[in-house]
Structure formats: structure tokens, C-alpha cells
Protein backbone atom coordinates (compact mmCIF):
# COMPACT_ATOMS: atom_id res chain seq x y z
CA UNK A 1 15.16 25.31 90.50
CA UNK A 2 11.93 26.21 92.33
CA UNK A 3 11.39 26.34 96.08
CA UNK A 4 9.31 23.15 96.11
CA UNK A 5 11.90 21.05 94.20
CA UNK A 6 15.38 19.88 95.14
CA UNK A 7 18.46 20.18 92.91
CA UNK A 8 17.57 16.93 91.10
CA UNK A 9 14.01 18.02 90.31
CA UNK A 10 12.35 15.84 92.97
CA UNK A 11 9.80 17.31 95.37
CA UNK A 12 11.58 18.92 98.31
CA UNK A 13 11.47 16.98 101.58
CA UNK A 14 9.12 18.41 104.16
CA UNK A 15 10.52 19.04 107.61
CA UNK A 16 9.90 16.66 110.49
CA UNK A 17 6.51 17.54 112.04
CA UNK A 18 7.92 17.04 115.56
CA UNK A 19 11.23 18.93 115.58
CA UNK A 20 11.41 20.68 112.18
CA UNK A 21 14.65 19.02 111.01
CA UNK A 22 14.78 17.64 107.45
CA UNK A 23 12.98 14.30 107.15
CA UNK A 24 14.91 11.08 106.48
CA UNK A 25 13.65 8.52 103.94
CA UNK A 26 13.87 5.64 106.45
CA UNK A 27 11.59 7.38 108.99
CA UNK A 28 9.52 9.52 106.62
CA UNK A 29 7.86 11.91 107.43
CA UNK A 30 10.06 12.09 110.54
CA UNK A 31 13.79 12.69 110.92
CA UNK A 32 14.47 9.84 113.36
CA UNK A 33 12.92 6.93 115.21
CA UNK A 34 12.80 9.17 118.29
CA UNK A 35 10.48 11.67 116.60
CA UNK A 36 8.39 8.81 115.18
CA UNK A 37 8.04 7.37 118.70
CA UNK A 38 7.07 10.78 120.11
CA UNK A 39 4.33 11.06 117.49
CA UNK A 40 3.09 7.51 118.21
CA UNK A 41 2.96 8.29 121.94
CA UNK A 42 0.91 11.41 121.24
CA UNK A 43 -1.63 9.35 119.26
CA UNK A 44 -1.82 6.58 121.84
CA UNK A 45 -2.12 8.94 124.80
CA UNK A 46 -4.95 10.90 123.18
CA UNK A 47 -3.01 14.13 122.69
CA UNK A 48 -4.20 14.11 119.07
CA UNK A 49 -7.98 14.02 118.88
CA UNK A 50 -10.59 14.66 116.25
CA UNK A 51 -13.16 17.11 117.61
CA UNK A 52 -16.75 15.97 117.68
CA UNK A 53 -20.02 16.76 119.34
CA UNK A 54 -20.99 14.99 122.54
CA UNK A 55 -24.49 14.78 121.07
CA UNK A 56 -23.40 12.54 118.18
CA UNK A 57 -25.28 9.27 118.34
CA UNK A 58 -22.98 6.35 117.55
CA UNK A 59 -25.61 4.04 116.07
CA UNK A 60 -26.67 6.63 113.51
CA UNK A 61 -30.30 6.84 114.63
CA UNK A 62 -31.80 10.20 115.34
CA UNK A 63 -32.89 10.63 118.95
CA UNK A 64 -36.62 10.87 119.53
CA UNK A 65 -37.87 14.42 119.90
CA UNK A 66 -41.15 13.32 121.49
CA UNK A 67 -41.53 14.31 125.12
CA UNK A 68 -41.29 11.53 127.66
CA UNK A 69 -44.59 10.69 129.33
CA UNK A 70 -44.92 11.63 133.01
CA UNK A 71 -44.12 8.88 135.49
CA UNK A 72 -46.85 7.52 137.71
CA UNK A 73 -46.56 8.18 141.43
């Protein structure tokens, strides 16, 4: 039996990403509905975020590098 297999030859269950207890099939990859709810709250509250640049343009067009003309007085 290897470290990444259980006694029946199936892949070993990974621990709950919130508390580290063994995961339960019903709430996979979590161990309980409580840990699943904690994870959902973290996503909805913005605790989990994908880093990005503030300069990223959402419409996909490159910003113009031409200087802006001077304004008239």
C-alpha cells in the first residue's frame, strides 16, 4: 500500500482545505457543511482573489500611447 492510496487501492482522501480533517464524500472536498459554508463565505466576501494588474484593460484594446494634445486656454 502506497502513501497516496487507501487500503482498498483507491486514491487517498485529501484533507479538508479549511480545518485539515479528513474529507467526507457528501461534502467533498470538505469535511462538513460548516467548512463548505466557511469556504463559500470567503469567496463571496472577496477573501479569495485572483491577482491582476490595475492597468489591465477590460475591453481588450491596447491603450493609445500617443500623447494627448494640449488644451486650448
